[in-house]
Protein backbone atom coordinates (compact mmCIF):
# COMPACT_ATOMS: atom_id res chain seq x y z
CA UNK A 1 -51.57 59.62 18.05
CA UNK A 2 -50.27 57.99 14.89
CA UNK A 3 -48.52 54.63 14.88
CA UNK A 4 -45.27 56.36 13.89
CA UNK A 5 -45.50 58.85 16.78
CA UNK A 6 -46.36 56.06 19.20
CA UNK A 7 -43.37 54.03 18.02
CA UNK A 8 -41.09 57.07 18.39
CA UNK A 9 -42.25 57.53 21.99
CA UNK A 10 -42.01 53.88 22.98
CA UNK A 11 -38.87 52.91 21.07
CA UNK A 12 -36.41 51.24 23.44
CA UNK A 13 -32.67 52.00 23.43
CA UNK A 14 -30.79 49.94 20.89
CA UNK A 15 -28.89 48.12 23.65
CA UNK A 16 -32.17 46.97 25.19
CA UNK A 17 -33.44 45.82 21.80
CA UNK A 18 -30.26 43.84 21.23
CA UNK A 19 -30.62 42.22 24.65
CA UNK A 20 -34.24 41.28 23.94
CA UNK A 21 -33.30 39.74 20.60
CA UNK A 22 -30.40 37.85 22.20
CA UNK A 23 -32.61 36.44 24.96
CA UNK A 24 -35.17 35.26 22.38
CA UNK A 25 -32.60 33.27 20.40
CA UNK A 26 -33.02 29.48 20.37
CA UNK A 27 -29.51 28.98 21.74
CA UNK A 28 -29.90 31.53 24.53
CA UNK A 29 -33.27 30.20 25.65
CA UNK A 30 -31.95 26.65 25.79
CA UNK A 31 -28.83 27.73 27.69
CA UNK A 32 -30.87 29.61 30.31
CA UNK A 33 -33.08 26.56 30.80
CA UNK A 34 -30.06 24.31 31.20
CA UNK A 35 -28.38 26.63 33.72
CA UNK A 36 -31.56 26.99 35.80
CA UNK A 37 -32.10 23.22 35.88
CA UNK A 38 -28.45 22.57 36.77
CA UNK A 39 -28.57 25.06 39.66
CA UNK A 40 -31.74 23.40 40.96
CA UNK A 41 -30.28 19.88 40.79
CA UNK A 42 -27.03 20.93 42.50
CA UNK A 43 -28.85 22.86 45.23
CA UNK A 44 -31.37 20.05 45.83
CA UNK A 45 -28.51 17.59 46.36
CA UNK A 46 -26.27 19.85 48.43
CA UNK A 47 -26.04 20.09 52.24
CA UNK A 48 -28.42 23.05 51.93
CA UNK A 49 -31.15 21.09 50.12
CA UNK A 50 -33.68 21.80 52.87
CA UNK A 51 -33.48 25.51 52.11
CA UNK A 52 -34.31 24.77 48.46
CA UNK A 53 -37.42 22.84 49.49
CA UNK A 54 -38.39 25.51 52.03
CA UNK A 55 -38.05 28.25 49.43
CA UNK A 56 -40.40 26.52 47.00
CA UNK A 57 -43.00 26.02 49.76
CA UNK A 58 -43.16 29.71 50.71
CA UNK A 59 -46.75 30.82 50.11
CA UNK A 60 -47.71 34.24 48.78
CA UNK A 61 -50.81 35.75 47.21
CA UNK A 62 -54.32 36.83 48.26
CA UNK A 63 -56.25 34.12 50.11
CA UNK A 64 -59.58 35.82 49.37
CA UNK A 65 -59.07 35.04 45.67
CA UNK A 66 -57.85 31.49 46.40
CA UNK A 67 -54.44 32.52 45.09
CA UNK A 68 -52.40 32.01 48.25
CA UNK A 69 -50.04 29.62 46.49
CA UNK A 70 -46.54 28.29 47.03
CA UNK A 71 -43.73 29.69 44.89
CA UNK A 72 -43.56 26.32 43.11
CA UNK A 73 -47.24 26.62 42.17
CA UNK A 74 -46.77 30.21 41.04
CA UNK A 75 -44.00 28.99 38.76
CA UNK A 76 -46.02 26.16 37.21
CA UNK A 77 -49.47 27.79 37.18
CA UNK A 78 -48.51 31.43 36.77
CA UNK A 79 -45.21 32.01 35.01
CA UNK A 80 -45.61 29.01 32.74
CA UNK A 81 -48.82 30.57 31.41
CA UNK A 82 -46.58 33.21 29.78
CA UNK A 83 -44.75 30.44 27.91
CA UNK A 84 -48.05 28.88 26.84
CA UNK A 85 -49.28 32.28 25.62
CA UNK A 86 -46.26 32.38 23.30
CA UNK A 87 -47.10 28.82 22.22
CA UNK A 88 -50.71 29.87 21.54
CA UNK A 89 -49.62 32.89 19.49
CA UNK A 90 -47.19 30.70 17.54
CA UNK A 91 -49.88 28.10 16.92
CA UNK A 92 -52.32 30.73 15.67
CA UNK A 93 -49.76 32.19 13.30
CA UNK A 94 -48.74 28.77 11.95
CA UNK A 95 -52.37 27.75 11.34
CA UNK A 96 -53.30 30.99 9.59
CA UNK A 97 -50.15 32.13 7.82
CA UNK A 98 -47.42 29.58 8.46
CA UNK A 99 -46.43 25.97 7.92
CA UNK A 100 -49.72 24.50 9.19
CA UNK A 101 -51.82 26.43 6.67
CA UNK A 102 -51.21 23.98 3.81
CA UNK A 103 -52.07 20.39 4.68
CA UNK A 104 -49.82 19.14 1.88
CA UNK A 105 -46.84 20.69 3.65
CA UNK A 106 -48.02 20.13 7.21
CA UNK A 107 -49.44 16.61 6.83
CA UNK A 108 -46.17 14.73 7.41
CA UNK A 109 -44.97 16.71 10.49
CA UNK A 110 -48.50 16.55 11.96
CA UNK A 111 -48.52 12.76 11.53
CA UNK A 112 -44.99 12.63 12.99
CA UNK A 113 -46.17 14.60 16.02
CA UNK A 114 -49.09 12.21 16.59
CA UNK A 115 -46.84 9.16 16.22
CA UNK A 116 -44.28 10.83 18.46
CA UNK A 117 -46.90 11.07 21.21
CA UNK A 118 -48.72 7.76 20.86
CA UNK A 119 -45.63 5.51 20.69
CA UNK A 120 -43.87 6.88 23.82
CA UNK A 121 -47.13 6.60 25.76
CA UNK A 122 -47.47 2.96 24.67
CA UNK A 123 -43.85 2.26 25.65
CA UNK A 124 -44.48 3.76 29.08
CA UNK A 125 -47.72 1.85 29.59
CA UNK A 126 -46.14 -1.48 28.64
CA UNK A 127 -43.19 -1.01 31.01
CA UNK A 128 -45.15 0.42 33.94
CA UNK A 129 -48.21 -1.84 33.70
CA UNK A 130 -46.00 -4.89 34.16
CA UNK A 131 -44.16 -3.58 37.20
CA UNK A 132 -46.10 -0.75 38.89
CA UNK A 133 -49.72 -0.23 37.78
CA UNK A 134 -50.11 2.71 40.20
CA UNK A 135 -47.62 4.63 38.11
CA UNK A 136 -49.85 4.55 35.02
CA UNK A 137 -51.08 8.04 35.90
CA UNK A 138 -47.89 9.34 34.32
CA UNK A 139 -48.54 7.86 30.87
CA UNK A 140 -48.43 11.31 29.22
CA UNK A 141 -45.04 12.35 30.64
CA UNK A 142 -42.85 11.02 27.77
CA UNK A 143 -45.18 12.42 25.09
CA UNK A 144 -43.94 16.01 25.51
CA UNK A 145 -41.33 17.88 23.46
CA UNK A 146 -39.52 20.96 24.73
CA UNK A 147 -39.47 23.46 21.84
CA UNK A 148 -36.80 25.71 23.38
CA UNK A 149 -34.30 22.93 24.12
CA UNK A 150 -34.88 21.05 20.86
CA UNK A 151 -34.43 24.15 18.69
CA UNK A 152 -31.36 25.17 20.69
CA UNK A 153 -29.63 21.83 20.03
CA UNK A 154 -30.57 22.04 16.35
CA UNK A 155 -29.24 25.61 16.07
CA UNK A 156 -25.90 24.67 17.63
CA UNK A 157 -25.23 21.29 16.04
CA UNK A 158 -27.31 21.48 12.85
CA UNK A 159 -25.31 24.19 11.11
CA UNK A 160 -25.13 23.48 7.39
CA UNK A 161 -28.27 21.32 7.32
CA UNK A 162 -31.37 22.48 5.37
CA UNK A 163 -33.26 25.32 7.01
CA UNK A 164 -36.43 23.38 6.14
CA UNK A 165 -35.40 20.90 8.85
CA UNK A 166 -35.92 23.60 11.49
CA UNK A 167 -39.35 24.37 10.05
CA UNK A 168 -40.21 20.66 10.14
CA UNK A 169 -39.10 20.35 13.79
CA UNK A 170 -40.90 23.55 14.76
CA UNK A 171 -44.13 22.38 13.11
CA UNK A 172 -43.85 18.98 14.78
CA UNK A 173 -43.10 20.51 18.19
CA UNK A 174 -45.91 23.06 17.94
CA UNK A 175 -48.45 20.33 17.11
CA UNK A 176 -46.95 18.24 19.91
CA UNK A 177 -47.49 21.13 22.34
CA UNK A 178 -51.06 21.59 21.13
CA UNK A 179 -51.80 17.92 21.74
CA UNK A 180 -50.04 18.14 25.10
CA UNK A 181 -52.29 21.05 26.09
CA UNK A 182 -55.35 19.00 25.12
CA UNK A 183 -54.04 16.13 27.26
CA UNK A 184 -53.49 18.43 30.26
CA UNK A 185 -56.94 20.00 29.93
CA UNK A 186 -58.67 16.64 29.40
CA UNK A 187 -56.90 14.10 31.61
CA UNK A 188 -55.41 16.21 34.39
CA UNK A 189 -58.49 18.16 35.43
CA UNK A 190 -60.34 16.47 38.30
CA UNK A 191 -63.21 18.90 39.00
CA UNK A 192 -64.48 21.76 36.87
CA UNK A 193 -66.39 24.80 38.10
CA UNK A 194 -68.33 25.54 34.93
CA UNK A 195 -69.39 29.00 36.12
CA UNK A 196 -65.76 30.03 36.55
CA UNK A 197 -64.83 28.34 33.27
CA UNK A 198 -67.54 30.27 31.44
CA UNK A 199 -66.36 33.51 33.04
CA UNK A 200 -62.79 32.71 31.97
CA UNK A 201 -63.94 32.15 28.39
CA UNK A 202 -65.79 35.49 28.47
CA UNK A 203 -62.57 37.18 29.61
CA UNK A 204 -60.68 35.46 26.78
CA UNK A 205 -63.31 36.66 24.30
CA UNK A 206 -62.99 40.22 25.66
CA UNK A 207 -59.22 39.96 25.22
CA UNK A 208 -59.85 38.85 21.63
CA UNK A 209 -61.96 41.95 20.99
CA UNK A 210 -59.49 44.34 22.60
CA UNK A 211 -56.44 42.89 20.85
CA UNK A 212 -58.06 43.84 17.53
CA UNK A 213 -58.52 47.47 18.53
CA UNK A 214 -56.11 50.38 18.08
CA UNK A 215 -52.84 49.99 19.96
CA UNK A 216 -53.80 52.68 22.47
CA UNK A 217 -55.84 49.93 24.15
CA UNK A 218 -52.82 47.69 24.74
CA UNK A 219 -52.44 48.58 28.49
CA UNK A 220 -55.90 47.02 29.07
CA UNK A 221 -54.80 43.68 27.61
CA UNK A 222 -52.61 42.75 30.58
CA UNK A 223 -55.28 43.08 33.33
CA UNK A 224 -57.86 41.30 31.15
CA UNK A 225 -55.37 38.47 30.54
CA UNK A 226 -54.66 38.24 34.29
CA UNK A 227 -58.39 38.03 35.02
CA UNK A 228 -58.80 35.27 32.41
CA UNK A 229 -55.89 33.39 33.97
CA UNK A 230 -57.31 33.77 37.50
CA UNK A 231 -60.77 32.58 36.47
CA UNK A 232 -59.30 29.61 34.61
CA UNK A 233 -57.29 28.70 37.71
CA UNK A 234 -60.41 28.94 39.85
CA UNK A 235 -62.36 26.73 37.43
CA UNK A 236 -60.11 23.73 38.10
CA UNK A 237 -58.72 23.60 34.55
CA UNK A 238 -54.95 24.08 34.58
CA UNK A 239 -54.30 27.79 34.36
CA UNK A 240 -51.77 27.46 31.53
CA UNK A 241 -54.68 26.62 29.22
CA UNK A 242 -55.73 30.26 29.57
CA UNK A 243 -52.40 31.31 28.10
CA UNK A 244 -52.95 29.16 25.02
CA UNK A 245 -56.51 30.44 24.50
CA UNK A 246 -55.39 34.05 24.85
CA UNK A 247 -52.71 33.43 22.23
CA UNK A 248 -55.23 31.81 19.90
CA UNK A 249 -57.47 34.90 19.75
CA UNK A 250 -54.67 37.22 18.58
CA UNK A 251 -55.16 38.09 14.87
CA UNK A 252 -52.57 36.44 12.62
CA UNK A 253 -53.10 38.73 9.63
CA UNK A 254 -52.19 42.40 9.37
CA UNK A 255 -55.06 44.69 10.38
CA UNK A 256 -55.65 48.44 10.64
CA UNK A 257 -53.11 49.17 7.92
CA UNK A 258 -50.26 47.60 9.87
CA UNK A 259 -47.45 45.83 8.05
CA UNK A 260 -46.93 43.14 10.70
CA UNK A 261 -49.54 40.67 12.05
CA UNK A 262 -50.23 41.14 15.72
CA UNK A 263 -49.26 37.52 16.40
CA UNK A 264 -45.72 38.41 15.35
CA UNK A 265 -45.75 41.69 17.24
CA UNK A 266 -46.93 40.12 20.50
CA UNK A 267 -44.59 37.16 20.02
CA UNK A 268 -41.66 39.58 19.73
CA UNK A 269 -42.88 41.47 22.82
CA UNK A 270 -43.57 38.51 25.13
CA UNK A 271 -41.06 35.85 24.03
CA UNK A 272 -38.04 37.48 25.78
CA UNK A 273 -39.92 37.35 29.11
CA UNK A 274 -40.88 33.74 28.47
CA UNK A 275 -37.31 32.77 27.61
CA UNK A 276 -35.53 34.78 30.31
CA UNK A 277 -38.02 34.55 33.18
CA UNK A 278 -40.91 32.10 32.88
CA UNK A 279 -39.09 29.02 31.57
CA UNK A 280 -35.90 29.29 33.67
CA UNK A 281 -37.81 29.93 36.90
CA UNK A 282 -40.13 27.00 36.22
CA UNK A 283 -37.12 24.80 35.40
CA UNK A 284 -35.49 25.88 38.66
CA UNK A 285 -38.64 25.06 40.62
CA UNK A 286 -39.40 21.74 38.90
CA UNK A 287 -36.02 20.16 38.19
CA UNK A 288 -34.59 20.19 41.70
CA UNK A 289 -35.13 16.56 42.65
CA UNK A 290 -33.11 15.22 45.57
CA UNK A 291 -31.21 12.04 44.76
CA UNK A 292 -28.58 12.13 47.50
CA UNK A 293 -30.09 10.83 50.70
CA UNK A 294 -33.51 10.27 49.10
CA UNK A 295 -35.88 7.77 50.67
CA UNK A 296 -37.14 5.98 47.57
CA UNK A 297 -35.43 4.27 44.67
CA UNK A 298 -34.96 6.32 41.51
CA UNK A 299 -34.74 3.21 39.31
CA UNK A 300 -38.32 1.93 39.08
CA UNK A 301 -40.82 1.11 36.33
CA UNK A 302 -41.93 4.76 36.13
CA UNK A 303 -38.42 6.06 35.48
CA UNK A 304 -37.57 3.24 33.07
CA UNK A 305 -40.81 3.81 31.15
CA UNK A 306 -40.09 7.53 30.81
CA UNK A 307 -36.52 7.06 29.58
CA UNK A 308 -37.58 4.36 27.10
CA UNK A 309 -40.47 6.53 25.93
CA UNK A 310 -38.34 9.64 25.41
CA UNK A 311 -35.27 8.03 23.85
CA UNK A 312 -36.80 5.10 21.92
CA UNK A 313 -40.53 5.75 21.69
CA UNK A 314 -40.20 9.27 20.30
CA UNK A 315 -37.70 8.20 17.63
CA UNK A 316 -39.74 5.18 16.55
CA UNK A 317 -42.98 7.16 16.54
CA UNK A 318 -41.64 10.03 14.43
CA UNK A 319 -39.81 7.83 11.92
CA UNK A 320 -42.59 5.23 11.73
CA UNK A 321 -45.34 7.81 11.14
CA UNK A 322 -43.24 9.61 8.54
CA UNK A 323 -42.50 6.36 6.69
CA UNK A 324 -46.18 5.40 6.68
CA UNK A 325 -47.30 8.81 5.39
CA UNK A 326 -44.67 9.05 2.65
CA UNK A 327 -45.12 5.41 1.59
CA UNK A 328 -48.89 5.01 1.53
CA UNK A 329 -50.14 8.55 0.85
CA UNK A 330 -49.29 11.23 -1.75
CA UNK A 331 -47.70 13.36 0.98
CA UNK A 332 -43.94 13.88 0.88
CA UNK A 333 -41.29 15.44 3.08
CA UNK A 334 -40.51 19.12 2.47
CA UNK A 335 -38.01 20.07 -0.20
CA UNK A 336 -34.36 19.14 0.61
CA UNK A 337 -35.22 16.88 3.59
CA UNK A 338 -34.66 13.11 3.53
CA UNK A 339 -35.50 10.29 5.91
CA UNK A 340 -31.94 10.29 7.26
CA UNK A 341 -32.42 13.91 8.41
CA UNK A 342 -35.28 12.74 10.60
CA UNK A 343 -33.06 10.49 12.72
CA UNK A 344 -31.73 13.44 14.75
CA UNK A 345 -35.13 15.16 14.61
CA UNK A 346 -36.79 12.09 16.12
CA UNK A 347 -34.23 12.16 18.92
CA UNK A 348 -34.70 15.90 19.44
CA UNK A 349 -38.40 15.32 20.10
CA UNK A 350 -37.27 13.16 23.03
CA UNK A 351 -36.02 16.29 24.78
CA UNK A 352 -39.14 16.54 26.93
CA UNK A 353 -38.09 18.73 29.86
CA UNK A 354 -40.44 21.70 30.45
CA UNK A 355 -43.83 20.25 29.51
CA UNK A 356 -42.78 16.77 30.69
CA UNK A 357 -41.87 18.19 34.12
CA UNK A 358 -45.25 19.95 34.26
CA UNK A 359 -47.12 16.73 33.43
CA UNK A 360 -45.02 14.85 36.00
CA UNK A 361 -46.09 17.32 38.67
CA UNK A 362 -49.72 16.99 37.63
CA UNK A 363 -49.47 13.19 37.59
CA UNK A 364 -47.76 12.62 40.90
CA UNK A 365 -48.22 15.75 42.96
CA UNK A 366 -50.57 14.12 45.50
CA UNK A 367 -49.13 11.56 47.91
CA UNK A 368 -46.57 10.00 45.59
CA UNK A 369 -43.21 11.69 46.24
CA UNK A 370 -41.37 8.50 45.31
CA UNK A 371 -42.92 8.44 41.84
CA UNK A 372 -42.47 12.21 41.40
CA UNK A 373 -38.75 12.09 42.15
CA UNK A 374 -38.18 9.09 39.90
CA UNK A 375 -40.16 10.74 37.09
CA UNK A 376 -38.19 14.00 37.26
CA UNK A 377 -34.83 12.24 37.28
CA UNK A 378 -35.96 10.12 34.32
CA UNK A 379 -37.06 13.24 32.40
CA UNK A 380 -33.65 14.84 32.95
CA UNK A 381 -31.79 11.65 31.99
CA UNK A 382 -33.97 10.90 28.95
CA UNK A 383 -33.78 14.50 27.72
CA UNK A 384 -29.99 14.68 28.09
CA UNK A 385 -29.44 11.30 26.38
CA UNK A 386 -31.76 12.30 23.52
CA UNK A 387 -30.01 15.66 23.12
CA UNK A 388 -26.52 14.11 23.07
CA UNK A 389 -27.47 11.43 20.53
CA UNK A 390 -29.25 14.04 18.40
CA UNK A 391 -26.19 16.33 18.48
CA UNK A 392 -23.93 13.48 17.32
CA UNK A 393 -26.29 12.54 14.47
CA UNK A 394 -26.73 16.17 13.42
CA UNK A 395 -23.00 16.58 12.94
CA UNK A 396 -22.83 13.24 11.11
CA UNK A 397 -25.72 14.23 8.84
CA UNK A 398 -24.15 17.62 8.08
CA UNK A 399 -20.97 15.91 6.84
CA UNK A 400 -22.81 13.62 4.43
CA UNK A 401 -23.28 14.45 0.74
CA UNK A 402 -26.74 15.71 -0.17
CA UNK A 403 -28.75 14.06 -2.95
CA UNK A 404 -30.34 16.39 -5.54
CA UNK A 405 -33.77 14.98 -4.59
CA UNK A 406 -33.65 14.30 -0.85
CA UNK A 407 -37.42 14.00 -0.37
CA UNK A 408 -37.85 11.60 -3.31
CA UNK A 409 -40.65 13.52 -5.01
CA UNK A 410 -38.95 13.23 -8.43
CA UNK A 411 -38.42 16.99 -8.47
CA UNK A 412 -34.91 18.38 -7.92
CA UNK A 413 -34.62 20.25 -4.63
CA UNK A 414 -34.52 24.01 -5.00
CA UNK A 415 -34.59 25.05 -1.33
CA UNK A 416 -30.87 25.51 -0.63
CA UNK A 417 -31.08 27.65 2.55
CA UNK A 418 -29.18 26.13 5.46
CA UNK A 419 -29.16 26.50 9.24
CA UNK A 420 -26.56 29.08 10.24
CA UNK A 421 -26.14 30.20 6.65
């Protein structure tokens, strides 16, 4: 069967294609996340909050495979792996054919991502160490950036600003997610079954071989990916790491005479399910913290440290790292972007949400409900404050006159494409 015949047989109705494209939009993805989180918060603080908690604790799955998990665990360990697969595919494409391929272009956003992780962690440690040393386990919570939410705010409020600003934020957020995955795999894994881990890596390698074959093999990819996920879960390493590794082995250059790299093709195929199912369901399961009638205090060093880290630490880290790189190295910001444009970008990186909620659950899931509730409320507050401040600054920045050489490289800017243009 030729590729053209296969495409003719599998082509979806145009209405379905339009729906898939709509779901994958930055604005749509962010809106679905926001609605799911809002429903969870309202339900968890309503007279029916016990039903919310009971629903999340319903256990399903085969016990023989050690997969008899609660719905909350299925959301964080299972569905979220779909999101991390999309992240892995995106990372692979950016490293091979995108903005991370050229260090001269990627150096500044990479440095900004590192600074945007280190500084919030330091802010958290300083605040929490002085008031509640037991809460130090959550040091990585304010280091995360939610790609979907951040890009949604930029798409809505950044209209008229340089399109290169979106690329800068995307590069920064992708590197941030990569570092976040390393943190999860390194610091939030207590025991590792190396036999299961090796078996998981073999399954990932098999997936890498199959994904390079003719497309008639694509139905085999799903069961192999599920096996890799299950083995990774059994190894003790967080199962979402399997999603990233599976994404990394997808070829990012066109093969077998195809016009489109398979990273782009699989991204287009899986992203709608990530945006419409995986992320909203996880947000619903993770964001529903009960404040009304709760036993512990929400205002504590852990919550203060998270809010300070997300709102202040992220901004200082991104701007400080960018200033250091552009002042003391030959690296410069991309064409048409100036330091003032990075004020809202720094705040957008403080929209932690999805990955921050995941790290909060990993940090405080055992015997520390008081810390867990405070951390989740702080993530919601810090993310909302960061998003609102970023939206205000984006509109302010869009109304300002643009210099002919915004990045100060002594070369007039030629990249005139704008967001929403």
